[in-house]
């Protein structure tokens, strides 16, 4: 499981970063940011993305290595 590092939240901004283990990935469309179960908009600041052909989900956009996400609430 990816680890979140940080400071996580300052001045109504959430910054989260993940170091994704070698030979592992996250599905880009699975990334969600929420507060009290309410989704908030986010942007990808740093990402290493590629397309794979997943045996279950077909062509999928995945993230590897380092991921940084920012959300303002």
C-alpha atoms as a PDB file:
ATOM      1  CA  UNK A   1       0.000   0.000   0.000  1.00  0.00           C
ATOM      2  CA  UNK A   2       1.381   3.463  -0.849  1.00  0.00           C
ATOM      3  CA  UNK A   3       2.447   5.677   2.016  1.00  0.00           C
ATOM      4  CA  UNK A   4       1.312   9.294   2.358  1.00  0.00           C
ATOM      5  CA  UNK A   5       4.052  11.684   3.420  1.00  0.00           C
ATOM      6  CA  UNK A   6       3.800  15.259   4.097  1.00  0.00           C
ATOM      7  CA  UNK A   7       2.760  17.954   5.840  1.00  0.00           C
ATOM      8  CA  UNK A   8      -0.727  16.973   4.786  1.00  0.00           C
ATOM      9  CA  UNK A   9      -2.849  20.097   5.315  1.00  0.00           C
ATOM     10  CA  UNK A  10      -2.160  23.827   5.741  1.00  0.00           C
ATOM     11  CA  UNK A  11      -4.355  26.880   5.083  1.00  0.00           C
ATOM     12  CA  UNK A  12      -7.246  24.930   3.517  1.00  0.00           C
ATOM     13  CA  UNK A  13      -4.899  23.114   1.133  1.00  0.00           C
ATOM     14  CA  UNK A  14      -4.227  19.397   1.265  1.00  0.00           C
ATOM     15  CA  UNK A  15      -0.934  18.256  -0.248  1.00  0.00           C
ATOM     16  CA  UNK A  16      -0.397  14.513  -0.325  1.00  0.00           C
ATOM     17  CA  UNK A  17       2.469  12.595  -1.856  1.00  0.00           C
ATOM     18  CA  UNK A  18       2.991   8.906  -2.395  1.00  0.00           C
ATOM     19  CA  UNK A  19       6.102   6.891  -3.097  1.00  0.00           C
ATOM     20  CA  UNK A  20       4.713   3.948  -5.034  1.00  0.00           C
ATOM     21  CA  UNK A  21       6.828   0.812  -4.612  1.00  0.00           C
ATOM     22  CA  UNK A  22       8.869  -0.394  -7.577  1.00  0.00           C
ATOM     23  CA  UNK A  23       6.908  -2.629  -9.965  1.00  0.00           C
ATOM     24  CA  UNK A  24       3.597  -1.433  -8.445  1.00  0.00           C
ATOM     25  CA  UNK A  25       1.071   1.155  -9.613  1.00  0.00           C
ATOM     26  CA  UNK A  26      -2.148   2.962  -8.740  1.00  0.00           C
ATOM     27  CA  UNK A  27      -5.075   3.313 -11.115  1.00  0.00           C
ATOM     28  CA  UNK A  28      -5.373   7.036 -11.819  1.00  0.00           C
ATOM     29  CA  UNK A  29      -9.173   6.988 -11.791  1.00  0.00           C
ATOM     30  CA  UNK A  30      -9.136   5.470  -8.288  1.00  0.00           C
ATOM     31  CA  UNK A  31      -7.595   8.569  -6.645  1.00  0.00           C
ATOM     32  CA  UNK A  32     -10.186  10.449  -4.594  1.00  0.00           C
ATOM     33  CA  UNK A  33      -9.875  13.283  -2.072  1.00  0.00           C
ATOM     34  CA  UNK A  34     -12.657  13.788   0.462  1.00  0.00           C
ATOM     35  CA  UNK A  35     -13.368  15.464   3.771  1.00  0.00           C
ATOM     36  CA  UNK A  36     -16.112  13.976   5.958  1.00  0.00           C
ATOM     37  CA  UNK A  37     -17.153  11.761   3.032  1.00  0.00           C
ATOM     38  CA  UNK A  38     -17.632  14.768   0.711  1.00  0.00           C
ATOM     39  CA  UNK A  39     -15.497  14.716  -2.422  1.00  0.00           C
ATOM     40  CA  UNK A  40     -13.366  17.782  -3.100  1.00  0.00           C
ATOM     41  CA  UNK A  41     -11.688  18.742  -6.362  1.00  0.00           C
ATOM     42  CA  UNK A  42      -8.004  17.922  -6.686  1.00  0.00           C
ATOM     43  CA  UNK A  43      -5.190  18.287  -9.164  1.00  0.00           C
ATOM     44  CA  UNK A  44      -2.194  16.124  -9.900  1.00  0.00           C
ATOM     45  CA  UNK A  45       0.975  18.160  -9.339  1.00  0.00           C
ATOM     46  CA  UNK A  46       3.536  15.471 -10.077  1.00  0.00           C
ATOM     47  CA  UNK A  47       2.822  12.136 -11.643  1.00  0.00           C
ATOM     48  CA  UNK A  48       4.448   9.425 -13.701  1.00  0.00           C
ATOM     49  CA  UNK A  49       1.623   7.961 -15.749  1.00  0.00           C
ATOM     50  CA  UNK A  50       1.421   5.305 -18.400  1.00  0.00           C
ATOM     51  CA  UNK A  51      -1.177   3.144 -20.114  1.00  0.00           C
ATOM     52  CA  UNK A  52      -1.321  -0.587 -19.422  1.00  0.00           C
ATOM     53  CA  UNK A  53      -3.539  -3.337 -20.756  1.00  0.00           C
ATOM     54  CA  UNK A  54      -5.040  -4.801 -17.578  1.00  0.00           C
ATOM     55  CA  UNK A  55      -6.468  -8.313 -17.870  1.00  0.00           C
ATOM     56  CA  UNK A  56      -9.579  -7.318 -15.874  1.00  0.00           C
ATOM     57  CA  UNK A  57     -10.079  -3.598 -16.683  1.00  0.00           C
ATOM     58  CA  UNK A  58      -8.660  -3.400 -20.210  1.00  0.00           C
ATOM     59  CA  UNK A  59      -6.676  -0.325 -21.223  1.00  0.00           C
ATOM     60  CA  UNK A  60      -6.020   1.626 -18.012  1.00  0.00           C
ATOM     61  CA  UNK A  61      -4.107   4.763 -17.032  1.00  0.00           C
ATOM     62  CA  UNK A  62      -1.805   3.995 -14.092  1.00  0.00           C
ATOM     63  CA  UNK A  63       0.554   5.990 -11.893  1.00  0.00           C
ATOM     64  CA  UNK A  64       4.007   4.806 -10.820  1.00  0.00           C
ATOM     65  CA  UNK A  65       6.964   6.010  -8.733  1.00  0.00           C
ATOM     66  CA  UNK A  66       5.977   9.371  -7.189  1.00  0.00           C
ATOM     67  CA  UNK A  67       2.562  11.007  -7.051  1.00  0.00           C
ATOM     68  CA  UNK A  68       1.717  14.432  -5.607  1.00  0.00           C
ATOM     69  CA  UNK A  69      -1.894  15.625  -5.298  1.00  0.00           C
ATOM     70  CA  UNK A  70      -3.182  19.035  -4.164  1.00  0.00           C
ATOM     71  CA  UNK A  71      -6.729  19.861  -3.108  1.00  0.00           C
ATOM     72  CA  UNK A  72      -8.175  23.164  -1.901  1.00  0.00           C
ATOM     73  CA  UNK A  73     -11.210  23.095   0.370  1.00  0.00           C
END
